[in-house]
């Protein structure tokens, strides 16, 4: 598409427990 897209995956290296913690943070 000749557009510098950036795909963000903030949970990529988090466990589900860490995902709950991220929500709390």
PDBML (XML) file of the C-alpha atoms, coordinates in Angstrom:
<?xml version="1.0" encoding="UTF-8" ?>
<PDBx:datablock datablockName="MODEL"
   xmlns:PDBx="http://pdbml.pdb.org/schema/pdbx-v50.xsd"
   xmlns:xsi="http://www.w3.org/2001/XMLSchema-instance"
   xsi:schemaLocation="http://pdbml.pdb.org/schema/pdbx-v50.xsd pdbx-v50.xsd">
   <PDBx:atom_siteCategory>
      <PDBx:atom_site id="1">
         <PDBx:B_iso_or_equiv>0.00</PDBx:B_iso_or_equiv>
         <PDBx:Cartn_x>0.000</PDBx:Cartn_x>
         <PDBx:Cartn_y>0.000</PDBx:Cartn_y>
         <PDBx:Cartn_z>0.000</PDBx:Cartn_z>
         <PDBx:auth_asym_id>A</PDBx:auth_asym_id>
         <PDBx:auth_atom_id>CA</PDBx:auth_atom_id>
         <PDBx:auth_comp_id>UNK</PDBx:auth_comp_id>
         <PDBx:auth_seq_id>1</PDBx:auth_seq_id>
         <PDBx:group_PDB>ATOM</PDBx:group_PDB>
         <PDBx:label_alt_id xsi:nil="true" />
         <PDBx:label_asym_id>A</PDBx:label_asym_id>
         <PDBx:label_atom_id>CA</PDBx:label_atom_id>
         <PDBx:label_comp_id>UNK</PDBx:label_comp_id>
         <PDBx:label_entity_id>1</PDBx:label_entity_id>
         <PDBx:label_seq_id>1</PDBx:label_seq_id>
         <PDBx:occupancy>1.00</PDBx:occupancy>
         <PDBx:pdbx_PDB_model_num>1</PDBx:pdbx_PDB_model_num>
         <PDBx:type_symbol>C</PDBx:type_symbol>
      </PDBx:atom_site>
      <PDBx:atom_site id="2">
         <PDBx:B_iso_or_equiv>0.00</PDBx:B_iso_or_equiv>
         <PDBx:Cartn_x>3.082</PDBx:Cartn_x>
         <PDBx:Cartn_y>2.249</PDBx:Cartn_y>
         <PDBx:Cartn_z>-0.049</PDBx:Cartn_z>
         <PDBx:auth_asym_id>A</PDBx:auth_asym_id>
         <PDBx:auth_atom_id>CA</PDBx:auth_atom_id>
         <PDBx:auth_comp_id>UNK</PDBx:auth_comp_id>
         <PDBx:auth_seq_id>2</PDBx:auth_seq_id>
         <PDBx:group_PDB>ATOM</PDBx:group_PDB>
         <PDBx:label_alt_id xsi:nil="true" />
         <PDBx:label_asym_id>A</PDBx:label_asym_id>
         <PDBx:label_atom_id>CA</PDBx:label_atom_id>
         <PDBx:label_comp_id>UNK</PDBx:label_comp_id>
         <PDBx:label_entity_id>1</PDBx:label_entity_id>
         <PDBx:label_seq_id>2</PDBx:label_seq_id>
         <PDBx:occupancy>1.00</PDBx:occupancy>
         <PDBx:pdbx_PDB_model_num>1</PDBx:pdbx_PDB_model_num>
         <PDBx:type_symbol>C</PDBx:type_symbol>
      </PDBx:atom_site>
      <PDBx:atom_site id="3">
         <PDBx:B_iso_or_equiv>0.00</PDBx:B_iso_or_equiv>
         <PDBx:Cartn_x>2.264</PDBx:Cartn_x>
         <PDBx:Cartn_y>3.323</PDBx:Cartn_y>
         <PDBx:Cartn_z>3.506</PDBx:Cartn_z>
         <PDBx:auth_asym_id>A</PDBx:auth_asym_id>
         <PDBx:auth_atom_id>CA</PDBx:auth_atom_id>
         <PDBx:auth_comp_id>UNK</PDBx:auth_comp_id>
         <PDBx:auth_seq_id>3</PDBx:auth_seq_id>
         <PDBx:group_PDB>ATOM</PDBx:group_PDB>
         <PDBx:label_alt_id xsi:nil="true" />
         <PDBx:label_asym_id>A</PDBx:label_asym_id>
         <PDBx:label_atom_id>CA</PDBx:label_atom_id>
         <PDBx:label_comp_id>UNK</PDBx:label_comp_id>
         <PDBx:label_entity_id>1</PDBx:label_entity_id>
         <PDBx:label_seq_id>3</PDBx:label_seq_id>
         <PDBx:occupancy>1.00</PDBx:occupancy>
         <PDBx:pdbx_PDB_model_num>1</PDBx:pdbx_PDB_model_num>
         <PDBx:type_symbol>C</PDBx:type_symbol>
      </PDBx:atom_site>
      <PDBx:atom_site id="4">
         <PDBx:B_iso_or_equiv>0.00</PDBx:B_iso_or_equiv>
         <PDBx:Cartn_x>4.573</PDBx:Cartn_x>
         <PDBx:Cartn_y>2.827</PDBx:Cartn_y>
         <PDBx:Cartn_z>6.491</PDBx:Cartn_z>
         <PDBx:auth_asym_id>A</PDBx:auth_asym_id>
         <PDBx:auth_atom_id>CA</PDBx:auth_atom_id>
         <PDBx:auth_comp_id>UNK</PDBx:auth_comp_id>
         <PDBx:auth_seq_id>4</PDBx:auth_seq_id>
         <PDBx:group_PDB>ATOM</PDBx:group_PDB>
         <PDBx:label_alt_id xsi:nil="true" />
         <PDBx:label_asym_id>A</PDBx:label_asym_id>
         <PDBx:label_atom_id>CA</PDBx:label_atom_id>
         <PDBx:label_comp_id>UNK</PDBx:label_comp_id>
         <PDBx:label_entity_id>1</PDBx:label_entity_id>
         <PDBx:label_seq_id>4</PDBx:label_seq_id>
         <PDBx:occupancy>1.00</PDBx:occupancy>
         <PDBx:pdbx_PDB_model_num>1</PDBx:pdbx_PDB_model_num>
         <PDBx:type_symbol>C</PDBx:type_symbol>
      </PDBx:atom_site>
      <PDBx:atom_site id="5">
         <PDBx:B_iso_or_equiv>0.00</PDBx:B_iso_or_equiv>
         <PDBx:Cartn_x>2.120</PDBx:Cartn_x>
         <PDBx:Cartn_y>0.883</PDBx:Cartn_y>
         <PDBx:Cartn_z>8.664</PDBx:Cartn_z>
         <PDBx:auth_asym_id>A</PDBx:auth_asym_id>
         <PDBx:auth_atom_id>CA</PDBx:auth_atom_id>
         <PDBx:auth_comp_id>UNK</PDBx:auth_comp_id>
         <PDBx:auth_seq_id>5</PDBx:auth_seq_id>
         <PDBx:group_PDB>ATOM</PDBx:group_PDB>
         <PDBx:label_alt_id xsi:nil="true" />
         <PDBx:label_asym_id>A</PDBx:label_asym_id>
         <PDBx:label_atom_id>CA</PDBx:label_atom_id>
         <PDBx:label_comp_id>UNK</PDBx:label_comp_id>
         <PDBx:label_entity_id>1</PDBx:label_entity_id>
         <PDBx:label_seq_id>5</PDBx:label_seq_id>
         <PDBx:occupancy>1.00</PDBx:occupancy>
         <PDBx:pdbx_PDB_model_num>1</PDBx:pdbx_PDB_model_num>
         <PDBx:type_symbol>C</PDBx:type_symbol>
      </PDBx:atom_site>
      <PDBx:atom_site id="6">
         <PDBx:B_iso_or_equiv>0.00</PDBx:B_iso_or_equiv>
         <PDBx:Cartn_x>3.133</PDBx:Cartn_x>
         <PDBx:Cartn_y>-0.076</PDBx:Cartn_y>
         <PDBx:Cartn_z>12.178</PDBx:Cartn_z>
         <PDBx:auth_asym_id>A</PDBx:auth_asym_id>
         <PDBx:auth_atom_id>CA</PDBx:auth_atom_id>
         <PDBx:auth_comp_id>UNK</PDBx:auth_comp_id>
         <PDBx:auth_seq_id>6</PDBx:auth_seq_id>
         <PDBx:group_PDB>ATOM</PDBx:group_PDB>
         <PDBx:label_alt_id xsi:nil="true" />
         <PDBx:label_asym_id>A</PDBx:label_asym_id>
         <PDBx:label_atom_id>CA</PDBx:label_atom_id>
         <PDBx:label_comp_id>UNK</PDBx:label_comp_id>
         <PDBx:label_entity_id>1</PDBx:label_entity_id>
         <PDBx:label_seq_id>6</PDBx:label_seq_id>
         <PDBx:occupancy>1.00</PDBx:occupancy>
         <PDBx:pdbx_PDB_model_num>1</PDBx:pdbx_PDB_model_num>
         <PDBx:type_symbol>C</PDBx:type_symbol>
      </PDBx:atom_site>
      <PDBx:atom_site id="7">
         <PDBx:B_iso_or_equiv>0.00</PDBx:B_iso_or_equiv>
         <PDBx:Cartn_x>1.403</PDBx:Cartn_x>
         <PDBx:Cartn_y>-3.105</PDBx:Cartn_y>
         <PDBx:Cartn_z>13.671</PDBx:Cartn_z>
         <PDBx:auth_asym_id>A</PDBx:auth_asym_id>
         <PDBx:auth_atom_id>CA</PDBx:auth_atom_id>
         <PDBx:auth_comp_id>UNK</PDBx:auth_comp_id>
         <PDBx:auth_seq_id>7</PDBx:auth_seq_id>
         <PDBx:group_PDB>ATOM</PDBx:group_PDB>
         <PDBx:label_alt_id xsi:nil="true" />
         <PDBx:label_asym_id>A</PDBx:label_asym_id>
         <PDBx:label_atom_id>CA</PDBx:label_atom_id>
         <PDBx:label_comp_id>UNK</PDBx:label_comp_id>
         <PDBx:label_entity_id>1</PDBx:label_entity_id>
         <PDBx:label_seq_id>7</PDBx:label_seq_id>
         <PDBx:occupancy>1.00</PDBx:occupancy>
         <PDBx:pdbx_PDB_model_num>1</PDBx:pdbx_PDB_model_num>
         <PDBx:type_symbol>C</PDBx:type_symbol>
      </PDBx:atom_site>
      <PDBx:atom_site id="8">
         <PDBx:B_iso_or_equiv>0.00</PDBx:B_iso_or_equiv>
         <PDBx:Cartn_x>1.463</PDBx:Cartn_x>
         <PDBx:Cartn_y>-2.937</PDBx:Cartn_y>
         <PDBx:Cartn_z>17.465</PDBx:Cartn_z>
         <PDBx:auth_asym_id>A</PDBx:auth_asym_id>
         <PDBx:auth_atom_id>CA</PDBx:auth_atom_id>
         <PDBx:auth_comp_id>UNK</PDBx:auth_comp_id>
         <PDBx:auth_seq_id>8</PDBx:auth_seq_id>
         <PDBx:group_PDB>ATOM</PDBx:group_PDB>
         <PDBx:label_alt_id xsi:nil="true" />
         <PDBx:label_asym_id>A</PDBx:label_asym_id>
         <PDBx:label_atom_id>CA</PDBx:label_atom_id>
         <PDBx:label_comp_id>UNK</PDBx:label_comp_id>
         <PDBx:label_entity_id>1</PDBx:label_entity_id>
         <PDBx:label_seq_id>8</PDBx:label_seq_id>
         <PDBx:occupancy>1.00</PDBx:occupancy>
         <PDBx:pdbx_PDB_model_num>1</PDBx:pdbx_PDB_model_num>
         <PDBx:type_symbol>C</PDBx:type_symbol>
      </PDBx:atom_site>
      <PDBx:atom_site id="9">
         <PDBx:B_iso_or_equiv>0.00</PDBx:B_iso_or_equiv>
         <PDBx:Cartn_x>0.974</PDBx:Cartn_x>
         <PDBx:Cartn_y>-6.121</PDBx:Cartn_y>
         <PDBx:Cartn_z>19.505</PDBx:Cartn_z>
         <PDBx:auth_asym_id>A</PDBx:auth_asym_id>
         <PDBx:auth_atom_id>CA</PDBx:auth_atom_id>
         <PDBx:auth_comp_id>UNK</PDBx:auth_comp_id>
         <PDBx:auth_seq_id>9</PDBx:auth_seq_id>
         <PDBx:group_PDB>ATOM</PDBx:group_PDB>
         <PDBx:label_alt_id xsi:nil="true" />
         <PDBx:label_asym_id>A</PDBx:label_asym_id>
         <PDBx:label_atom_id>CA</PDBx:label_atom_id>
         <PDBx:label_comp_id>UNK</PDBx:label_comp_id>
         <PDBx:label_entity_id>1</PDBx:label_entity_id>
         <PDBx:label_seq_id>9</PDBx:label_seq_id>
         <PDBx:occupancy>1.00</PDBx:occupancy>
         <PDBx:pdbx_PDB_model_num>1</PDBx:pdbx_PDB_model_num>
         <PDBx:type_symbol>C</PDBx:type_symbol>
      </PDBx:atom_site>
      <PDBx:atom_site id="10">
         <PDBx:B_iso_or_equiv>0.00</PDBx:B_iso_or_equiv>
         <PDBx:Cartn_x>1.330</PDBx:Cartn_x>
         <PDBx:Cartn_y>-5.041</PDBx:Cartn_y>
         <PDBx:Cartn_z>23.154</PDBx:Cartn_z>
         <PDBx:auth_asym_id>A</PDBx:auth_asym_id>
         <PDBx:auth_atom_id>CA</PDBx:auth_atom_id>
         <PDBx:auth_comp_id>UNK</PDBx:auth_comp_id>
         <PDBx:auth_seq_id>10</PDBx:auth_seq_id>
         <PDBx:group_PDB>ATOM</PDBx:group_PDB>
         <PDBx:label_alt_id xsi:nil="true" />
         <PDBx:label_asym_id>A</PDBx:label_asym_id>
         <PDBx:label_atom_id>CA</PDBx:label_atom_id>
         <PDBx:label_comp_id>UNK</PDBx:label_comp_id>
         <PDBx:label_entity_id>1</PDBx:label_entity_id>
         <PDBx:label_seq_id>10</PDBx:label_seq_id>
         <PDBx:occupancy>1.00</PDBx:occupancy>
         <PDBx:pdbx_PDB_model_num>1</PDBx:pdbx_PDB_model_num>
         <PDBx:type_symbol>C</PDBx:type_symbol>
      </PDBx:atom_site>
      <PDBx:atom_site id="11">
         <PDBx:B_iso_or_equiv>0.00</PDBx:B_iso_or_equiv>
         <PDBx:Cartn_x>0.339</PDBx:Cartn_x>
         <PDBx:Cartn_y>-8.493</PDBx:Cartn_y>
         <PDBx:Cartn_z>24.463</PDBx:Cartn_z>
         <PDBx:auth_asym_id>A</PDBx:auth_asym_id>
         <PDBx:auth_atom_id>CA</PDBx:auth_atom_id>
         <PDBx:auth_comp_id>UNK</PDBx:auth_comp_id>
         <PDBx:auth_seq_id>11</PDBx:auth_seq_id>
         <PDBx:group_PDB>ATOM</PDBx:group_PDB>
         <PDBx:label_alt_id xsi:nil="true" />
         <PDBx:label_asym_id>A</PDBx:label_asym_id>
         <PDBx:label_atom_id>CA</PDBx:label_atom_id>
         <PDBx:label_comp_id>UNK</PDBx:label_comp_id>
         <PDBx:label_entity_id>1</PDBx:label_entity_id>
         <PDBx:label_seq_id>11</PDBx:label_seq_id>
         <PDBx:occupancy>1.00</PDBx:occupancy>
         <PDBx:pdbx_PDB_model_num>1</PDBx:pdbx_PDB_model_num>
         <PDBx:type_symbol>C</PDBx:type_symbol>
      </PDBx:atom_site>
      <PDBx:atom_site id="12">
         <PDBx:B_iso_or_equiv>0.00</PDBx:B_iso_or_equiv>
         <PDBx:Cartn_x>2.725</PDBx:Cartn_x>
         <PDBx:Cartn_y>-10.503</PDBx:Cartn_y>
         <PDBx:Cartn_z>22.286</PDBx:Cartn_z>
         <PDBx:auth_asym_id>A</PDBx:auth_asym_id>
         <PDBx:auth_atom_id>CA</PDBx:auth_atom_id>
         <PDBx:auth_comp_id>UNK</PDBx:auth_comp_id>
         <PDBx:auth_seq_id>12</PDBx:auth_seq_id>
         <PDBx:group_PDB>ATOM</PDBx:group_PDB>
         <PDBx:label_alt_id xsi:nil="true" />
         <PDBx:label_asym_id>A</PDBx:label_asym_id>
         <PDBx:label_atom_id>CA</PDBx:label_atom_id>
         <PDBx:label_comp_id>UNK</PDBx:label_comp_id>
         <PDBx:label_entity_id>1</PDBx:label_entity_id>
         <PDBx:label_seq_id>12</PDBx:label_seq_id>
         <PDBx:occupancy>1.00</PDBx:occupancy>
         <PDBx:pdbx_PDB_model_num>1</PDBx:pdbx_PDB_model_num>
         <PDBx:type_symbol>C</PDBx:type_symbol>
      </PDBx:atom_site>
      <PDBx:atom_site id="13">
         <PDBx:B_iso_or_equiv>0.00</PDBx:B_iso_or_equiv>
         <PDBx:Cartn_x>5.055</PDBx:Cartn_x>
         <PDBx:Cartn_y>-11.578</PDBx:Cartn_y>
         <PDBx:Cartn_z>25.089</PDBx:Cartn_z>
         <PDBx:auth_asym_id>A</PDBx:auth_asym_id>
         <PDBx:auth_atom_id>CA</PDBx:auth_atom_id>
         <PDBx:auth_comp_id>UNK</PDBx:auth_comp_id>
         <PDBx:auth_seq_id>13</PDBx:auth_seq_id>
         <PDBx:group_PDB>ATOM</PDBx:group_PDB>
         <PDBx:label_alt_id xsi:nil="true" />
         <PDBx:label_asym_id>A</PDBx:label_asym_id>
         <PDBx:label_atom_id>CA</PDBx:label_atom_id>
         <PDBx:label_comp_id>UNK</PDBx:label_comp_id>
         <PDBx:label_entity_id>1</PDBx:label_entity_id>
         <PDBx:label_seq_id>13</PDBx:label_seq_id>
         <PDBx:occupancy>1.00</PDBx:occupancy>
         <PDBx:pdbx_PDB_model_num>1</PDBx:pdbx_PDB_model_num>
         <PDBx:type_symbol>C</PDBx:type_symbol>
      </PDBx:atom_site>
      <PDBx:atom_site id="14">
         <PDBx:B_iso_or_equiv>0.00</PDBx:B_iso_or_equiv>
         <PDBx:Cartn_x>2.603</PDBx:Cartn_x>
         <PDBx:Cartn_y>-11.413</PDBx:Cartn_y>
         <PDBx:Cartn_z>28.008</PDBx:Cartn_z>
         <PDBx:auth_asym_id>A</PDBx:auth_asym_id>
         <PDBx:auth_atom_id>CA</PDBx:auth_atom_id>
         <PDBx:auth_comp_id>UNK</PDBx:auth_comp_id>
         <PDBx:auth_seq_id>14</PDBx:auth_seq_id>
         <PDBx:group_PDB>ATOM</PDBx:group_PDB>
         <PDBx:label_alt_id xsi:nil="true" />
         <PDBx:label_asym_id>A</PDBx:label_asym_id>
         <PDBx:label_atom_id>CA</PDBx:label_atom_id>
         <PDBx:label_comp_id>UNK</PDBx:label_comp_id>
         <PDBx:label_entity_id>1</PDBx:label_entity_id>
         <PDBx:label_seq_id>14</PDBx:label_seq_id>
         <PDBx:occupancy>1.00</PDBx:occupancy>
         <PDBx:pdbx_PDB_model_num>1</PDBx:pdbx_PDB_model_num>
         <PDBx:type_symbol>C</PDBx:type_symbol>
      </PDBx:atom_site>
      <PDBx:atom_site id="15">
         <PDBx:B_iso_or_equiv>0.00</PDBx:B_iso_or_equiv>
         <PDBx:Cartn_x>0.974</PDBx:Cartn_x>
         <PDBx:Cartn_y>-14.295</PDBx:Cartn_y>
         <PDBx:Cartn_z>29.845</PDBx:Cartn_z>
         <PDBx:auth_asym_id>A</PDBx:auth_asym_id>
         <PDBx:auth_atom_id>CA</PDBx:auth_atom_id>
         <PDBx:auth_comp_id>UNK</PDBx:auth_comp_id>
         <PDBx:auth_seq_id>15</PDBx:auth_seq_id>
         <PDBx:group_PDB>ATOM</PDBx:group_PDB>
         <PDBx:label_alt_id xsi:nil="true" />
         <PDBx:label_asym_id>A</PDBx:label_asym_id>
         <PDBx:label_atom_id>CA</PDBx:label_atom_id>
         <PDBx:label_comp_id>UNK</PDBx:label_comp_id>
         <PDBx:label_entity_id>1</PDBx:label_entity_id>
         <PDBx:label_seq_id>15</PDBx:label_seq_id>
         <PDBx:occupancy>1.00</PDBx:occupancy>
         <PDBx:pdbx_PDB_model_num>1</PDBx:pdbx_PDB_model_num>
         <PDBx:type_symbol>C</PDBx:type_symbol>
      </PDBx:atom_site>
      <PDBx:atom_site id="16">
         <PDBx:B_iso_or_equiv>0.00</PDBx:B_iso_or_equiv>
         <PDBx:Cartn_x>-2.744</PDBx:Cartn_x>
         <PDBx:Cartn_y>-14.024</PDBx:Cartn_y>
         <PDBx:Cartn_z>30.533</PDBx:Cartn_z>
         <PDBx:auth_asym_id>A</PDBx:auth_asym_id>
         <PDBx:auth_atom_id>CA</PDBx:auth_atom_id>
         <PDBx:auth_comp_id>UNK</PDBx:auth_comp_id>
         <PDBx:auth_seq_id>16</PDBx:auth_seq_id>
         <PDBx:group_PDB>ATOM</PDBx:group_PDB>
         <PDBx:label_alt_id xsi:nil="true" />
         <PDBx:label_asym_id>A</PDBx:label_asym_id>
         <PDBx:label_atom_id>CA</PDBx:label_atom_id>
         <PDBx:label_comp_id>UNK</PDBx:label_comp_id>
         <PDBx:label_entity_id>1</PDBx:label_entity_id>
         <PDBx:label_seq_id>16</PDBx:label_seq_id>
         <PDBx:occupancy>1.00</PDBx:occupancy>
         <PDBx:pdbx_PDB_model_num>1</PDBx:pdbx_PDB_model_num>
         <PDBx:type_symbol>C</PDBx:type_symbol>
      </PDBx:atom_site>
      <PDBx:atom_site id="17">
         <PDBx:B_iso_or_equiv>0.00</PDBx:B_iso_or_equiv>
         <PDBx:Cartn_x>-1.903</PDBx:Cartn_x>
         <PDBx:Cartn_y>-13.138</PDBx:Cartn_y>
         <PDBx:Cartn_z>34.134</PDBx:Cartn_z>
         <PDBx:auth_asym_id>A</PDBx:auth_asym_id>
         <PDBx:auth_atom_id>CA</PDBx:auth_atom_id>
         <PDBx:auth_comp_id>UNK</PDBx:auth_comp_id>
         <PDBx:auth_seq_id>17</PDBx:auth_seq_id>
         <PDBx:group_PDB>ATOM</PDBx:group_PDB>
         <PDBx:label_alt_id xsi:nil="true" />
         <PDBx:label_asym_id>A</PDBx:label_asym_id>
         <PDBx:label_atom_id>CA</PDBx:label_atom_id>
         <PDBx:label_comp_id>UNK</PDBx:label_comp_id>
         <PDBx:label_entity_id>1</PDBx:label_entity_id>
         <PDBx:label_seq_id>17</PDBx:label_seq_id>
         <PDBx:occupancy>1.00</PDBx:occupancy>
         <PDBx:pdbx_PDB_model_num>1</PDBx:pdbx_PDB_model_num>
         <PDBx:type_symbol>C</PDBx:type_symbol>
      </PDBx:atom_site>
      <PDBx:atom_site id="18">
         <PDBx:B_iso_or_equiv>0.00</PDBx:B_iso_or_equiv>
         <PDBx:Cartn_x>0.330</PDBx:Cartn_x>
         <PDBx:Cartn_y>-10.338</PDBx:Cartn_y>
         <PDBx:Cartn_z>32.880</PDBx:Cartn_z>
         <PDBx:auth_asym_id>A</PDBx:auth_asym_id>
         <PDBx:auth_atom_id>CA</PDBx:auth_atom_id>
         <PDBx:auth_comp_id>UNK</PDBx:auth_comp_id>
         <PDBx:auth_seq_id>18</PDBx:auth_seq_id>
         <PDBx:group_PDB>ATOM</PDBx:group_PDB>
         <PDBx:label_alt_id xsi:nil="true" />
         <PDBx:label_asym_id>A</PDBx:label_asym_id>
         <PDBx:label_atom_id>CA</PDBx:label_atom_id>
         <PDBx:label_comp_id>UNK</PDBx:label_comp_id>
         <PDBx:label_entity_id>1</PDBx:label_entity_id>
         <PDBx:label_seq_id>18</PDBx:label_seq_id>
         <PDBx:occupancy>1.00</PDBx:occupancy>
         <PDBx:pdbx_PDB_model_num>1</PDBx:pdbx_PDB_model_num>
         <PDBx:type_symbol>C</PDBx:type_symbol>
      </PDBx:atom_site>
      <PDBx:atom_site id="19">
         <PDBx:B_iso_or_equiv>0.00</PDBx:B_iso_or_equiv>
         <PDBx:Cartn_x>-2.498</PDBx:Cartn_x>
         <PDBx:Cartn_y>-9.161</PDBx:Cartn_y>
         <PDBx:Cartn_z>30.615</PDBx:Cartn_z>
         <PDBx:auth_asym_id>A</PDBx:auth_asym_id>
         <PDBx:auth_atom_id>CA</PDBx:auth_atom_id>
         <PDBx:auth_comp_id>UNK</PDBx:auth_comp_id>
         <PDBx:auth_seq_id>19</PDBx:auth_seq_id>
         <PDBx:group_PDB>ATOM</PDBx:group_PDB>
         <PDBx:label_alt_id xsi:nil="true" />
         <PDBx:label_asym_id>A</PDBx:label_asym_id>
         <PDBx:label_atom_id>CA</PDBx:label_atom_id>
         <PDBx:label_comp_id>UNK</PDBx:label_comp_id>
         <PDBx:label_entity_id>1</PDBx:label_entity_id>
         <PDBx:label_seq_id>19</PDBx:label_seq_id>
         <PDBx:occupancy>1.00</PDBx:occupancy>
         <PDBx:pdbx_PDB_model_num>1</PDBx:pdbx_PDB_model_num>
         <PDBx:type_symbol>C</PDBx:type_symbol>
      </PDBx:atom_site>
      <PDBx:atom_site id="20">
         <PDBx:B_iso_or_equiv>0.00</PDBx:B_iso_or_equiv>
         <PDBx:Cartn_x>-4.763</PDBx:Cartn_x>
         <PDBx:Cartn_y>-8.814</PDBx:Cartn_y>
         <PDBx:Cartn_z>33.649</PDBx:Cartn_z>
         <PDBx:auth_asym_id>A</PDBx:auth_asym_id>
         <PDBx:auth_atom_id>CA</PDBx:auth_atom_id>
         <PDBx:auth_comp_id>UNK</PDBx:auth_comp_id>
         <PDBx:auth_seq_id>20</PDBx:auth_seq_id>
         <PDBx:group_PDB>ATOM</PDBx:group_PDB>
         <PDBx:label_alt_id xsi:nil="true" />
         <PDBx:label_asym_id>A</PDBx:label_asym_id>
         <PDBx:label_atom_id>CA</PDBx:label_atom_id>
         <PDBx:label_comp_id>UNK</PDBx:label_comp_id>
         <PDBx:label_entity_id>1</PDBx:label_entity_id>
         <PDBx:label_seq_id>20</PDBx:label_seq_id>
         <PDBx:occupancy>1.00</PDBx:occupancy>
         <PDBx:pdbx_PDB_model_num>1</PDBx:pdbx_PDB_model_num>
         <PDBx:type_symbol>C</PDBx:type_symbol>
      </PDBx:atom_site>
      <PDBx:atom_site id="21">
         <PDBx:B_iso_or_equiv>0.00</PDBx:B_iso_or_equiv>
         <PDBx:Cartn_x>-1.954</PDBx:Cartn_x>
         <PDBx:Cartn_y>-6.909</PDBx:Cartn_y>
         <PDBx:Cartn_z>35.362</PDBx:Cartn_z>
         <PDBx:auth_asym_id>A</PDBx:auth_asym_id>
         <PDBx:auth_atom_id>CA</PDBx:auth_atom_id>
         <PDBx:auth_comp_id>UNK</PDBx:auth_comp_id>
         <PDBx:auth_seq_id>21</PDBx:auth_seq_id>
         <PDBx:group_PDB>ATOM</PDBx:group_PDB>
         <PDBx:label_alt_id xsi:nil="true" />
         <PDBx:label_asym_id>A</PDBx:label_asym_id>
         <PDBx:label_atom_id>CA</PDBx:label_atom_id>
         <PDBx:label_comp_id>UNK</PDBx:label_comp_id>
         <PDBx:label_entity_id>1</PDBx:label_entity_id>
         <PDBx:label_seq_id>21</PDBx:label_seq_id>
         <PDBx:occupancy>1.00</PDBx:occupancy>
         <PDBx:pdbx_PDB_model_num>1</PDBx:pdbx_PDB_model_num>
         <PDBx:type_symbol>C</PDBx:type_symbol>
      </PDBx:atom_site>
      <PDBx:atom_site id="22">
         <PDBx:B_iso_or_equiv>0.00</PDBx:B_iso_or_equiv>
         <PDBx:Cartn_x>-1.523</PDBx:Cartn_x>
         <PDBx:Cartn_y>-4.624</PDBx:Cartn_y>
         <PDBx:Cartn_z>32.350</PDBx:Cartn_z>
         <PDBx:auth_asym_id>A</PDBx:auth_asym_id>
         <PDBx:auth_atom_id>CA</PDBx:auth_atom_id>
         <PDBx:auth_comp_id>UNK</PDBx:auth_comp_id>
         <PDBx:auth_seq_id>22</PDBx:auth_seq_id>
         <PDBx:group_PDB>ATOM</PDBx:group_PDB>
         <PDBx:label_alt_id xsi:nil="true" />
         <PDBx:label_asym_id>A</PDBx:label_asym_id>
         <PDBx:label_atom_id>CA</PDBx:label_atom_id>
         <PDBx:label_comp_id>UNK</PDBx:label_comp_id>
         <PDBx:label_entity_id>1</PDBx:label_entity_id>
         <PDBx:label_seq_id>22</PDBx:label_seq_id>
         <PDBx:occupancy>1.00</PDBx:occupancy>
         <PDBx:pdbx_PDB_model_num>1</PDBx:pdbx_PDB_model_num>
         <PDBx:type_symbol>C</PDBx:type_symbol>
      </PDBx:atom_site>
      <PDBx:atom_site id="23">
         <PDBx:B_iso_or_equiv>0.00</PDBx:B_iso_or_equiv>
         <PDBx:Cartn_x>-5.226</PDBx:Cartn_x>
         <PDBx:Cartn_y>-3.774</PDBx:Cartn_y>
         <PDBx:Cartn_z>32.499</PDBx:Cartn_z>
         <PDBx:auth_asym_id>A</PDBx:auth_asym_id>
         <PDBx:auth_atom_id>CA</PDBx:auth_atom_id>
         <PDBx:auth_comp_id>UNK</PDBx:auth_comp_id>
         <PDBx:auth_seq_id>23</PDBx:auth_seq_id>
         <PDBx:group_PDB>ATOM</PDBx:group_PDB>
         <PDBx:label_alt_id xsi:nil="true" />
         <PDBx:label_asym_id>A</PDBx:label_asym_id>
         <PDBx:label_atom_id>CA</PDBx:label_atom_id>
         <PDBx:label_comp_id>UNK</PDBx:label_comp_id>
         <PDBx:label_entity_id>1</PDBx:label_entity_id>
         <PDBx:label_seq_id>23</PDBx:label_seq_id>
         <PDBx:occupancy>1.00</PDBx:occupancy>
         <PDBx:pdbx_PDB_model_num>1</PDBx:pdbx_PDB_model_num>
         <PDBx:type_symbol>C</PDBx:type_symbol>
      </PDBx:atom_site>
      <PDBx:atom_site id="24">
         <PDBx:B_iso_or_equiv>0.00</PDBx:B_iso_or_equiv>
         <PDBx:Cartn_x>-4.812</PDBx:Cartn_x>
         <PDBx:Cartn_y>-2.880</PDBx:Cartn_y>
         <PDBx:Cartn_z>36.163</PDBx:Cartn_z>
         <PDBx:auth_asym_id>A</PDBx:auth_asym_id>
         <PDBx:auth_atom_id>CA</PDBx:auth_atom_id>
         <PDBx:auth_comp_id>UNK</PDBx:auth_comp_id>
         <PDBx:auth_seq_id>24</PDBx:auth_seq_id>
         <PDBx:group_PDB>ATOM</PDBx:group_PDB>
         <PDBx:label_alt_id xsi:nil="true" />
         <PDBx:label_asym_id>A</PDBx:label_asym_id>
         <PDBx:label_atom_id>CA</PDBx:label_atom_id>
         <PDBx:label_comp_id>UNK</PDBx:label_comp_id>
         <PDBx:label_entity_id>1</PDBx:label_entity_id>
         <PDBx:label_seq_id>24</PDBx:label_seq_id>
         <PDBx:occupancy>1.00</PDBx:occupancy>
         <PDBx:pdbx_PDB_model_num>1</PDBx:pdbx_PDB_model_num>
         <PDBx:type_symbol>C</PDBx:type_symbol>
      </PDBx:atom_site>
      <PDBx:atom_site id="25">
         <PDBx:B_iso_or_equiv>0.00</PDBx:B_iso_or_equiv>
         <PDBx:Cartn_x>-1.730</PDBx:Cartn_x>
         <PDBx:Cartn_y>-0.782</PDBx:Cartn_y>
         <PDBx:Cartn_z>35.445</PDBx:Cartn_z>
         <PDBx:auth_asym_id>A</PDBx:auth_asym_id>
         <PDBx:auth_atom_id>CA</PDBx:auth_atom_id>
         <PDBx:auth_comp_id>UNK</PDBx:auth_comp_id>
         <PDBx:auth_seq_id>25</PDBx:auth_seq_id>
         <PDBx:group_PDB>ATOM</PDBx:group_PDB>
         <PDBx:label_alt_id xsi:nil="true" />
         <PDBx:label_asym_id>A</PDBx:label_asym_id>
         <PDBx:label_atom_id>CA</PDBx:label_atom_id>
         <PDBx:label_comp_id>UNK</PDBx:label_comp_id>
         <PDBx:label_entity_id>1</PDBx:label_entity_id>
         <PDBx:label_seq_id>25</PDBx:label_seq_id>
         <PDBx:occupancy>1.00</PDBx:occupancy>
         <PDBx:pdbx_PDB_model_num>1</PDBx:pdbx_PDB_model_num>
         <PDBx:type_symbol>C</PDBx:type_symbol>
      </PDBx:atom_site>
   </PDBx:atom_siteCategory>
</PDBx:datablock>
